Protein backbone atom coordinates (compact mmCIF):
# COMPACT_ATOMS: atom_id res chain seq x y z
CA MET A 1 9.84 -28.39 -16.29
CA TRP A 2 6.84 -30.55 -17.17
CA LEU A 3 3.29 -29.17 -17.18
CA PRO A 4 0.18 -31.29 -17.86
CA ILE A 5 -1.17 -28.69 -20.31
CA ARG A 6 -0.75 -27.77 -23.98
CA GLY A 7 1.07 -24.50 -23.39
CA VAL A 8 1.56 -21.40 -21.26
CA ILE A 9 1.22 -17.73 -22.21
CA VAL A 10 3.39 -15.40 -20.14
CA THR A 11 2.61 -11.67 -20.24
CA SER A 12 4.19 -8.60 -18.73
CA GLN A 13 3.69 -4.87 -18.85
CA SER A 14 5.87 -3.37 -21.57
CA ASP A 15 8.77 -1.07 -20.76
CA SER A 16 8.03 0.80 -23.99
CA SER A 17 5.24 3.38 -24.29
CA GLU A 18 4.65 1.99 -27.79
CA TYR A 19 3.14 -1.26 -26.41
CA ASP A 20 0.75 -2.05 -23.55
CA PHE A 21 2.17 -5.52 -22.88
CA VAL A 22 4.55 -8.15 -24.21
CA SER A 23 3.90 -11.87 -24.31
CA ARG A 24 5.49 -15.22 -25.07
CA PHE A 25 3.92 -18.63 -25.64
CA PHE A 26 5.71 -21.78 -24.48
CA SER A 27 4.76 -25.35 -25.44
CA PRO A 28 7.82 -27.58 -25.03
CA ALA A 29 5.71 -30.76 -25.07
CA GLN A 30 4.84 -29.95 -28.69
CA GLY A 31 8.41 -29.05 -29.61
CA LEU A 32 7.82 -25.31 -29.32
CA ASP A 33 10.23 -23.95 -26.74
CA GLU A 34 9.22 -20.33 -27.38
CA ASP A 35 6.92 -18.70 -29.94
CA HIS A 36 6.99 -14.91 -29.68
CA VAL A 37 4.71 -14.26 -32.67
CA THR A 38 1.85 -16.73 -32.23
CA GLY A 39 -1.41 -15.23 -33.48
CA SER A 40 -3.68 -17.79 -31.84
CA ALA A 41 -2.31 -16.97 -28.38
CA HIS A 42 -2.88 -13.25 -28.94
CA CYS A 43 -6.56 -13.89 -29.74
CA CYS A 44 -7.25 -14.46 -26.04
CA LEU A 45 -5.30 -11.41 -24.83
CA GLY A 46 -6.63 -7.88 -24.88
CA PRO A 47 -7.22 -4.72 -22.88
C-alpha cells in the first residue's frame, strides 16, 4: 500500500486494564515497516 504521507499512527483501545490504548506507527516509505516504541508518535496521543 502506498500513502502520500510520512507515516500513519494506528491506535486501539487496550484489552488490558493496565493500559488505556495501544498504538503502532508505520512508515514504509522511510524503511520503517512498524515501530511499536516510537516516542515522537506518542507525543501527539493522550487522553
